Each structure stands twice: as structure tokens, then as C-alpha cells.
């Protein structure tokens, strides 16, 4: 049995993932930059939710990700989980993640089985993100929302759960050097909040105490 197949993942998830969306963030874009917080602490974060979709394949689980269109005003060309802001009409974080996933990828909620939540993640743009880990049932189809999503693709979970691939990169931002996680894979540059949430998945599910 592989560490990264569906049965093993489900067994490990029990007691390791949160049953509900954590109300307070435990991780943030500032974790590697504690002296360079970009959002004042007294500014309330905006609630958001993303889906962390796992796809069972013959050789193990894959993680499904999106590549944003290069012309977007924000986060152009970045690799991201499907998701977005929690609207007032959303029942909860699960409903928001499912709605956004269907809007962005065309994957219907009927094919999504929620497993549990990662720690909440605060982005540098002051979104408190609830990452919902879910299993995608066979038979789903992908139809990217052309205005926002350039591509939908899969990465082997085994690659992303290898800490040797959790690189620390840096770039200058407004005269300061900011550090962040990056996980380059076959020409795709997975970095920032997405990489931070993937690393949290590793720490909760596979890191040796």
C-alpha cells in the first residue's frame, strides 16, 4: 500500500484534519516574514474558501490545481486551488468552496466528497482562507471558466508531499525581501499561499513528529 493512495489517505485524515472550518487562521503569508506584515492587525480579514481536490488514479492520488489567466488584474498566471470569497448567500465554507469550484472548473458538487479542513490561512491580501480537502469521485468532467482559468491540471500527491520539494524562494517587494514556499513542477511554478497550504497538508498528514 502506498502512503499516497486513497485508502491510506482516508485513514490518516481521521483526527488530523479539522471537521469544520477553523474560525481563526493558524498560518499566513507572513510566517516566513514576521517583521513585514502587510495588513494591519486590527483590519478584519475577509472570509474565503478553497477546495483542495484529490483525484484517485491508478498509481495513487493526484492534487488538482488551476492556472489563472495571464491577463487578470490580480494574481495573473498564478497556480491556485479553485475557490474564492465566501458570499453572504453561501451557507458556509463548504458551500462556498463547492460553488467556486463548479464556477471555475465545471466540476459539479455531486462529484465532490468533503474530507476535512486544513488550518485556516491568512493571505497577504487579508483573506482568511478555509481550505477544504475533498475526494473527487470518478466521472467528473472539467470545463474551465475561460475568463478566469487558463488550465486545470493534476500533480502527483507524492511529489507535493516530499519536503525536499518545499523550496524557500525570495523576491523583492516594495523595497523589502519577502520569503515564500515554492514547489516547481514540470514548468509550473506553484508558490505563495497555494504552496503554503500544500505544505500545511504535508505537515498535518505526513510529517513525522
Protein backbone atom coordinates (compact mmCIF):
# COMPACT_ATOMS: atom_id res chain seq x y z
CA UNK A 1 0.00 0.00 0.00
CA UNK A 2 1.30 3.45 -0.92
CA UNK A 3 1.32 6.35 1.52
CA UNK A 4 -0.40 8.36 -1.19
CA UNK A 5 -3.29 6.13 -2.23
CA UNK A 6 -6.88 6.84 -1.34
CA UNK A 7 -7.29 4.24 1.41
CA UNK A 8 -4.17 5.34 3.27
CA UNK A 9 -5.08 9.00 2.93
CA UNK A 10 -8.56 8.44 4.34
CA UNK A 11 -7.12 6.50 7.27
CA UNK A 12 -4.63 9.26 8.06
CA UNK A 13 -7.21 12.03 7.71
CA UNK A 14 -9.16 10.84 10.75
CA UNK A 15 -8.14 13.06 13.65
CA UNK A 16 -5.67 15.07 11.57
CA UNK A 17 -7.98 17.30 9.57
CA UNK A 18 -10.49 19.71 11.10
CA UNK A 19 -14.14 18.65 10.99
CA UNK A 20 -15.21 22.28 10.49
CA UNK A 21 -13.56 25.40 9.13
CA UNK A 22 -11.30 26.89 11.85
CA UNK A 23 -12.62 30.33 12.86
CA UNK A 24 -9.11 31.79 13.33
CA UNK A 25 -6.15 31.44 10.97
CA UNK A 26 -3.22 29.33 12.08
CA UNK A 27 -0.93 30.07 9.14
CA UNK A 28 -0.25 33.07 6.91
CA UNK A 29 1.84 34.54 4.12
CA UNK A 30 3.74 36.37 6.86
CA UNK A 31 5.02 33.25 8.63
CA UNK A 32 8.34 33.47 6.79
CA UNK A 33 8.31 37.27 7.10
CA UNK A 34 7.23 38.10 10.68
CA UNK A 35 8.65 41.63 10.56
CA UNK A 36 7.00 42.51 7.24
CA UNK A 37 3.29 42.08 7.88
CA UNK A 38 1.43 43.86 5.08
CA UNK A 39 -2.05 44.14 6.65
CA UNK A 40 -2.59 45.94 9.99
CA UNK A 41 -3.60 43.50 12.71
CA UNK A 42 -6.76 45.46 13.52
CA UNK A 43 -8.20 45.11 9.99
CA UNK A 44 -10.72 42.22 9.94
CA UNK A 45 -9.85 39.56 7.33
CA UNK A 46 -12.26 38.73 4.52
CA UNK A 47 -13.57 35.13 4.64
CA UNK A 48 -12.75 32.85 1.72
CA UNK A 49 -12.73 29.15 0.95
CA UNK A 50 -10.87 26.93 -1.50
CA UNK A 51 -11.17 23.29 -2.47
CA UNK A 52 -8.11 21.05 -2.12
CA UNK A 53 -9.29 18.35 -4.57
CA UNK A 54 -7.72 14.89 -4.57
CA UNK A 55 -8.15 12.68 -7.62
CA UNK A 56 -7.75 8.88 -7.23
CA UNK A 57 -5.65 7.46 -10.06
CA UNK A 58 -4.20 4.01 -10.68
CA UNK A 59 -0.79 4.95 -9.30
CA UNK A 60 -2.06 7.00 -6.34
CA UNK A 61 -3.72 10.31 -5.56
CA UNK A 62 -3.21 13.48 -7.60
CA UNK A 63 -3.90 17.03 -6.47
CA UNK A 64 -5.99 19.13 -8.86
CA UNK A 65 -4.96 22.77 -9.38
CA UNK A 66 -5.87 25.64 -11.68
CA UNK A 67 -3.72 28.07 -13.64
CA UNK A 68 -5.21 31.57 -13.77
CA UNK A 69 -5.40 33.55 -16.98
CA UNK A 70 -2.36 35.80 -17.62
CA UNK A 71 -4.43 38.93 -18.26
CA UNK A 72 -6.23 39.10 -14.89
CA UNK A 73 -5.85 42.20 -12.75
CA UNK A 74 -4.95 40.17 -9.64
CA UNK A 75 -2.86 37.02 -9.33
CA UNK A 76 -2.44 36.77 -13.10
CA UNK A 77 -0.99 33.46 -14.27
CA UNK A 78 -0.67 32.05 -10.77
CA UNK A 79 -1.33 28.46 -9.75
CA UNK A 80 -4.24 28.24 -7.32
CA UNK A 81 -6.84 25.99 -5.78
CA UNK A 82 -10.37 26.58 -7.06
CA UNK A 83 -12.12 28.91 -4.65
CA UNK A 84 -12.79 32.48 -3.65
CA UNK A 85 -14.59 34.79 -1.26
CA UNK A 86 -17.43 33.43 0.88
CA UNK A 87 -20.58 35.28 -0.20
CA UNK A 88 -23.46 36.23 2.08
CA UNK A 89 -25.61 33.75 0.15
CA UNK A 90 -23.26 30.83 0.91
CA UNK A 91 -24.43 28.62 3.77
CA UNK A 92 -20.87 28.04 4.96
CA UNK A 93 -17.28 27.49 3.80
CA UNK A 94 -18.17 24.11 2.27
CA UNK A 95 -20.91 25.67 0.15
CA UNK A 96 -18.58 28.46 -0.97
CA UNK A 97 -15.79 26.04 -1.94
CA UNK A 98 -18.20 23.85 -3.91
CA UNK A 99 -19.80 26.83 -5.66
CA UNK A 100 -16.49 28.40 -6.64
CA UNK A 101 -15.11 25.06 -7.82
CA UNK A 102 -18.07 24.49 -10.12
CA UNK A 103 -17.85 28.06 -11.44
CA UNK A 104 -14.11 27.86 -12.14
CA UNK A 105 -13.65 24.25 -13.25
CA UNK A 106 -17.11 22.95 -14.16
CA UNK A 107 -16.79 20.12 -11.60
CA UNK A 108 -20.28 19.56 -10.18
CA UNK A 109 -20.72 19.28 -6.37
CA UNK A 110 -22.16 15.77 -6.81
CA UNK A 111 -18.63 14.55 -7.63
CA UNK A 112 -17.01 16.19 -4.57
CA UNK A 113 -16.76 14.34 -1.24
CA UNK A 114 -15.52 16.63 1.57
CA UNK A 115 -12.96 15.01 3.91
CA UNK A 116 -12.00 17.83 6.30
CA UNK A 117 -10.31 21.21 6.60
CA UNK A 118 -6.69 22.28 6.79
CA UNK A 119 -5.68 25.10 9.14
CA UNK A 120 -7.11 28.45 8.06
CA UNK A 121 -4.62 30.52 6.05
CA UNK A 122 -4.31 34.34 6.05
CA UNK A 123 -3.08 35.77 2.75
CA UNK A 124 -1.11 38.97 2.25
CA UNK A 125 -4.27 40.45 0.71
CA UNK A 126 -6.10 39.84 4.02
CA UNK A 127 -8.26 36.88 3.05
CA UNK A 128 -8.72 34.22 5.74
CA UNK A 129 -8.94 31.09 3.60
CA UNK A 130 -10.63 27.88 4.74
CA UNK A 131 -9.04 25.05 2.68
CA UNK A 132 -11.48 22.13 2.29
CA UNK A 133 -9.82 18.82 1.44
CA UNK A 134 -12.06 16.64 -0.72
CA UNK A 135 -12.01 13.48 -2.82
CA UNK A 136 -13.26 13.73 -6.41
CA UNK A 137 -15.45 10.80 -7.36
CA UNK A 138 -14.94 9.13 -10.77
CA UNK A 139 -16.92 10.54 -13.67
CA UNK A 140 -16.33 14.25 -13.14
CA UNK A 141 -15.63 16.45 -16.13
CA UNK A 142 -13.58 19.64 -16.30
CA UNK A 143 -14.74 22.74 -18.17
CA UNK A 144 -12.51 25.70 -17.21
CA UNK A 145 -14.12 29.11 -16.91
CA UNK A 146 -12.32 30.78 -19.82
CA UNK A 147 -12.48 34.31 -18.44
CA UNK A 148 -10.53 33.38 -15.31
CA UNK A 149 -8.98 29.92 -15.67
CA UNK A 150 -6.42 29.10 -18.35
CA UNK A 151 -5.92 25.45 -17.40
CA UNK A 152 -6.86 22.76 -14.88
CA UNK A 153 -4.20 20.13 -14.22
CA UNK A 154 -3.08 17.45 -11.76
CA UNK A 155 0.14 16.94 -9.80
CA UNK A 156 1.04 13.65 -8.09
CA UNK A 157 0.41 13.96 -4.36
CA UNK A 158 3.63 12.03 -3.69
CA UNK A 159 5.65 14.80 -5.33
CA UNK A 160 3.98 17.55 -3.32
CA UNK A 161 4.24 15.65 -0.03
CA UNK A 162 8.02 15.28 -0.36
CA UNK A 163 9.57 18.01 1.85
CA UNK A 164 12.61 18.05 -0.44
CA UNK A 165 10.35 19.82 -2.95
CA UNK A 166 9.29 22.53 -0.48
CA UNK A 167 11.74 25.21 -1.54
CA UNK A 168 12.16 28.62 0.08
CA UNK A 169 12.35 31.35 -2.53
CA UNK A 170 12.60 35.13 -2.21
CA UNK A 171 11.72 38.23 -4.19
CA UNK A 172 11.85 41.96 -3.61
CA UNK A 173 8.55 43.61 -2.75
CA UNK A 174 8.30 47.35 -2.16
CA UNK A 175 11.98 47.56 -1.22
CA UNK A 176 11.87 44.55 1.12
CA UNK A 177 12.87 40.93 0.62
CA UNK A 178 9.96 38.57 1.19
CA UNK A 179 10.32 34.80 1.50
CA UNK A 180 7.77 32.19 0.44
CA UNK A 181 7.43 28.49 -0.34
CA UNK A 182 7.64 27.28 -3.93
CA UNK A 183 7.18 23.83 -5.47
CA UNK A 184 8.16 23.96 -9.16
CA UNK A 185 6.76 21.03 -11.16
CA UNK A 186 7.16 20.38 -14.89
CA UNK A 187 7.28 24.05 -15.82
CA UNK A 188 4.53 25.06 -13.37
CA UNK A 189 5.50 27.44 -10.59
CA UNK A 190 3.43 26.58 -7.52
CA UNK A 191 4.18 29.21 -4.89
CA UNK A 192 2.85 31.62 -2.27
CA UNK A 193 -0.39 30.87 -0.46
CA UNK A 194 -1.07 27.79 -2.59
CA UNK A 195 2.32 26.31 -1.71
CA UNK A 196 1.80 27.32 1.92
CA UNK A 197 -1.47 25.39 2.09
CA UNK A 198 0.09 22.39 0.39
CA UNK A 199 2.87 22.43 2.98
CA UNK A 200 0.21 22.53 5.70
CA UNK A 201 -1.37 19.43 4.12
CA UNK A 202 2.03 17.73 4.37
CA UNK A 203 2.55 18.76 7.99
CA UNK A 204 -0.89 17.57 9.07
CA UNK A 205 -0.91 14.32 7.12
CA UNK A 206 2.64 13.09 6.58
CA UNK A 207 5.24 14.92 8.66
CA UNK A 208 7.00 12.72 11.19
CA UNK A 209 6.56 14.14 14.72
